[in-house]
Amino acid sequence: MIRFSKIFLYLTVIVLLIWQVPWAYAFLTTKSARSPFTLYSSVLGDFIMMQPDEHKQMQRFDSEGNFYTQQTVDSLLPTFYLRQLTTDERFPDTICGRAVSPKDVQMTNFTFKSVPSAINAPQTGLYFLMESMSKRVDLKMPEDAFCFTADGMEFIRMETNRVDETKSRLFTDMLQKKGFAFPAAYVSGNPTTRKDYDEGYLLLDANHKLYHLKCTKGRPYVKPIPVPDGIRPEYVFITEFRSRQTLGFMVDNNHRFYIIAKDGSMIQSALPAFDPAKDELTIFGNMFDWTVKLSTATDDCYYALDATDYSLIKERIYRDVRRTVPGLSFTSPDDKFVKPRF
């Protein structure tokens, strides 16, 4: 028994040394490499970068190396610094030749983020479907949860933990009537009351056909969303932005990024390959442009897209941006599993 204990102790020490020594060396010798906070300015027609210098003083500059004060940057990014400009009574009447008001900006501003850890995390398979046309202003969480089985959609009353057969059959029949093939391959929703309205869920069925599902006055609303020939959806994201101009985003099997409009029409963006299971995507959108940050394992890529047709305006790429310390690790930003990995 003592001999076994010693062997176990030695193995533990060896594993700890393999884990901690390279990590400690990398931690002490690896220099941090972060990309500056970057936003596109339609007023300037260029990216504006913000980054502290060696004296920890914030520097604000564009791609040409021109430096700006904070007050100037406020005016160059009027949609981002809306609150500051309105507080200072400096908000302009027109931006890029277009008459705007603070309310217009508030309605069209949005932020979207997708991280691999959320995509790769284990899913419970239980979802909540709220009423999309409630008589009240505030949204309310439902008294049941639902899941997808091989045969249909199943609602479970949380108070009794029993299946609501009537509601389950109602929604299952409507999905089948619209051509939905069970079980669902991918489900995207935002089941929270902290939003202005509810659009339910974007679904991919067993054949990866795209559908929109929500509850309207207690009854199912199901709409197949046509996808261009040769495109196979792999990931979908419901948006529910204040402007209601978009229904969601979609990524196909070739990692192309699409915007799904409110009416279900689809537009391919100018973004290059985006793999939600490996890459991080952040979008700062306004009525004029979208600043898209696409972070891969090594690079931070910024793209400015036109807010009307999602065409590319400008791009800026920061190479070799280090995100993790090399060595043995038991966690990863790509998932939520705890396991040894190099």
Foldseek 3Di string as FASTA:
>chain_A
DVVVVVVVVVVVVVVCCQFPVLLVVLVVPPDAFDFFDWDAFPQVLFIWGWDADPVRHIWIATPVGDTDDPVVVCVRCVLVNVVVCVVVVNRDQDGPRHGDDSVQSQLFWDKDKFFLAVVAEDDPQKAWAWAQDDPDQFTDTDQWIWGFDQQFIWIAGPVVRHTPVVLGVQRRVVCVVQPAHDDWPAKEADPDRPARGGQGIWTQGPQQFIWGWHAYPNHIDIDGQDDDPPWRWDDWYADRGSNQQFGTWTATPQQWIWTQGNVRDIATAQDPHADSLFWMWMWTTGQAWIWIWIGGQFKTKTFIAGPPRRYTSDIDMDGGRHDDRDGWAQDDSSHGGGHTDD
